[in-house]
Amino acid sequence: MTDIGKLAISLVDAATFVVGTPTVHVGPHPLVAYAAHLANALRPKLKYASIIGSYGWATKAVEHIAAAIPNLNVEVIPPVLCKGLPLEKDLLAIENLSAEIAKRHAGLI
């Protein structure tokens, strides 16, 4: 987790908000939930958002994070969630997510 002040400063110029979180008690890690709450309160001019996460048996992390950022007017890029440790297909999905973000950022110029 990054320093919360550095996160706030980074959000000012960010085009995309991507959070990575393990599932803790069916939702996102508490520090990630706080970061999402901060982003919602600051209302940066983001264009996109997504989530990278892991879980053991069930997860509501995506739903919890989405509920925490209602003030952000963003297009949600489909999340990448993996069960347990990431497999090769999960790592490929993360690479595809980063390529999709890069493609969308290129269109912003």
Protein backbone atom coordinates (compact mmCIF):
# COMPACT_ATOMS: atom_id res chain seq x y z
CA MET A 1 0.00 0.00 0.00
CA THR A 2 1.26 3.43 -0.87
CA ASP A 3 1.30 6.50 1.32
CA ILE A 4 -2.22 7.97 1.27
CA GLY A 5 -0.91 11.49 0.54
CA LYS A 6 1.05 10.21 -2.46
CA LEU A 7 -2.06 8.40 -3.66
CA ALA A 8 -4.13 11.58 -3.41
CA ILE A 9 -1.53 13.55 -5.39
CA SER A 10 -1.28 10.80 -8.04
CA LEU A 11 -5.05 10.74 -8.50
CA VAL A 12 -5.07 14.39 -9.57
CA ASP A 13 -3.40 13.64 -12.91
CA ALA A 14 -4.45 10.01 -13.36
CA ALA A 15 -6.58 8.82 -16.26
CA THR A 16 -7.14 5.33 -14.85
CA PHE A 17 -7.67 3.97 -11.34
CA VAL A 18 -6.65 0.31 -11.00
CA VAL A 19 -6.71 -1.32 -7.58
CA GLY A 20 -5.23 -4.64 -6.66
CA THR A 21 -6.68 -6.48 -3.70
CA PRO A 22 -6.90 -9.86 -2.11
CA THR A 23 -10.32 -10.81 -0.80
CA VAL A 24 -10.59 -10.43 2.96
CA HIS A 25 -13.84 -11.61 4.57
CA VAL A 26 -15.59 -11.66 1.16
CA GLY A 27 -14.63 -8.02 0.32
CA PRO A 28 -11.56 -5.98 -0.57
CA HIS A 29 -8.69 -5.51 1.85
CA PRO A 30 -9.58 -2.63 4.25
CA LEU A 31 -6.73 -0.42 2.95
CA VAL A 32 -7.99 -0.84 -0.61
CA ALA A 33 -11.52 0.02 0.52
CA TYR A 34 -10.09 3.17 2.11
CA ALA A 35 -8.22 4.07 -1.09
CA ALA A 36 -11.45 3.69 -3.08
CA HIS A 37 -13.27 5.87 -0.54
CA LEU A 38 -10.53 8.51 -0.88
CA ALA A 39 -10.77 8.46 -4.68
CA ASN A 40 -14.54 8.87 -4.41
CA ALA A 41 -14.18 11.84 -2.04
CA LEU A 42 -11.54 13.58 -4.20
CA ARG A 43 -13.50 13.06 -7.44
CA PRO A 44 -10.48 13.10 -9.77
CA LYS A 45 -11.12 13.43 -13.51
CA LEU A 46 -10.52 9.75 -14.20
CA LYS A 47 -11.68 8.11 -17.43
CA TYR A 48 -11.34 4.43 -16.53
CA ALA A 49 -11.23 2.07 -13.56
CA SER A 50 -10.52 -1.62 -13.03
CA ILE A 51 -9.62 -4.16 -10.38
CA ILE A 52 -7.05 -6.94 -10.11
CA GLY A 53 -7.74 -9.37 -7.29
CA SER A 54 -7.60 -12.81 -5.81
CA TYR A 55 -9.94 -14.89 -3.70
CA GLY A 56 -10.22 -18.27 -2.04
CA TRP A 57 -13.85 -19.37 -2.14
CA ALA A 58 -16.00 -16.30 -2.81
CA THR A 59 -15.58 -12.61 -3.42
CA LYS A 60 -17.63 -9.46 -3.39
CA ALA A 61 -14.56 -7.22 -3.77
CA VAL A 62 -15.66 -5.85 -7.15
CA GLU A 63 -19.13 -5.01 -5.86
CA HIS A 64 -17.74 -3.38 -2.68
CA ILE A 65 -15.27 -1.24 -4.61
CA ALA A 66 -17.90 -0.24 -7.18
CA ALA A 67 -20.23 0.77 -4.35
CA ALA A 68 -17.43 2.85 -2.78
CA ILE A 69 -16.86 5.02 -5.89
CA PRO A 70 -20.29 6.31 -6.99
CA ASN A 71 -18.94 9.85 -7.53
CA LEU A 72 -16.44 8.74 -10.17
CA ASN A 73 -17.80 9.00 -13.67
CA VAL A 74 -15.61 6.28 -15.18
CA GLU A 75 -15.86 3.54 -17.72
CA VAL A 76 -15.18 0.26 -15.95
CA ILE A 77 -12.76 -2.06 -17.71
CA PRO A 78 -13.58 -5.68 -16.79
CA PRO A 79 -11.63 -6.82 -13.73
CA VAL A 80 -9.14 -9.65 -13.49
CA LEU A 81 -9.88 -11.98 -10.57
CA CYS A 82 -8.07 -15.21 -9.90
CA LYS A 83 -8.83 -17.99 -7.49
CA GLY A 84 -5.81 -18.63 -5.28
CA LEU A 85 -2.36 -18.08 -6.71
CA PRO A 86 -2.35 -16.69 -10.25
CA LEU A 87 -1.99 -19.21 -13.03
CA GLU A 88 -0.53 -18.55 -16.46
CA LYS A 89 -4.00 -17.63 -17.78
CA ASP A 90 -4.42 -15.09 -14.96
CA LEU A 91 -1.06 -13.48 -15.73
CA LEU A 92 -2.04 -13.31 -19.39
CA ALA A 93 -5.33 -11.64 -18.40
CA ILE A 94 -3.37 -9.01 -16.46
CA GLU A 95 -1.14 -8.40 -19.50
CA ASN A 96 -4.27 -8.03 -21.63
CA LEU A 97 -5.75 -5.57 -19.12
CA SER A 98 -2.59 -3.45 -19.22
CA ALA A 99 -2.60 -3.52 -23.04
CA GLU A 100 -6.26 -2.43 -23.06
CA ILE A 101 -5.48 0.45 -20.69
CA ALA A 102 -2.52 1.53 -22.87
CA LYS A 103 -4.74 1.41 -25.98
CA ARG A 104 -7.38 3.56 -24.32
CA HIS A 105 -4.78 6.04 -23.05
CA ALA A 106 -3.40 6.38 -26.58
CA GLY A 107 -6.86 7.44 -27.68
CA LEU A 108 -6.90 10.25 -25.09
CA ILE A 109 -4.06 12.15 -26.74
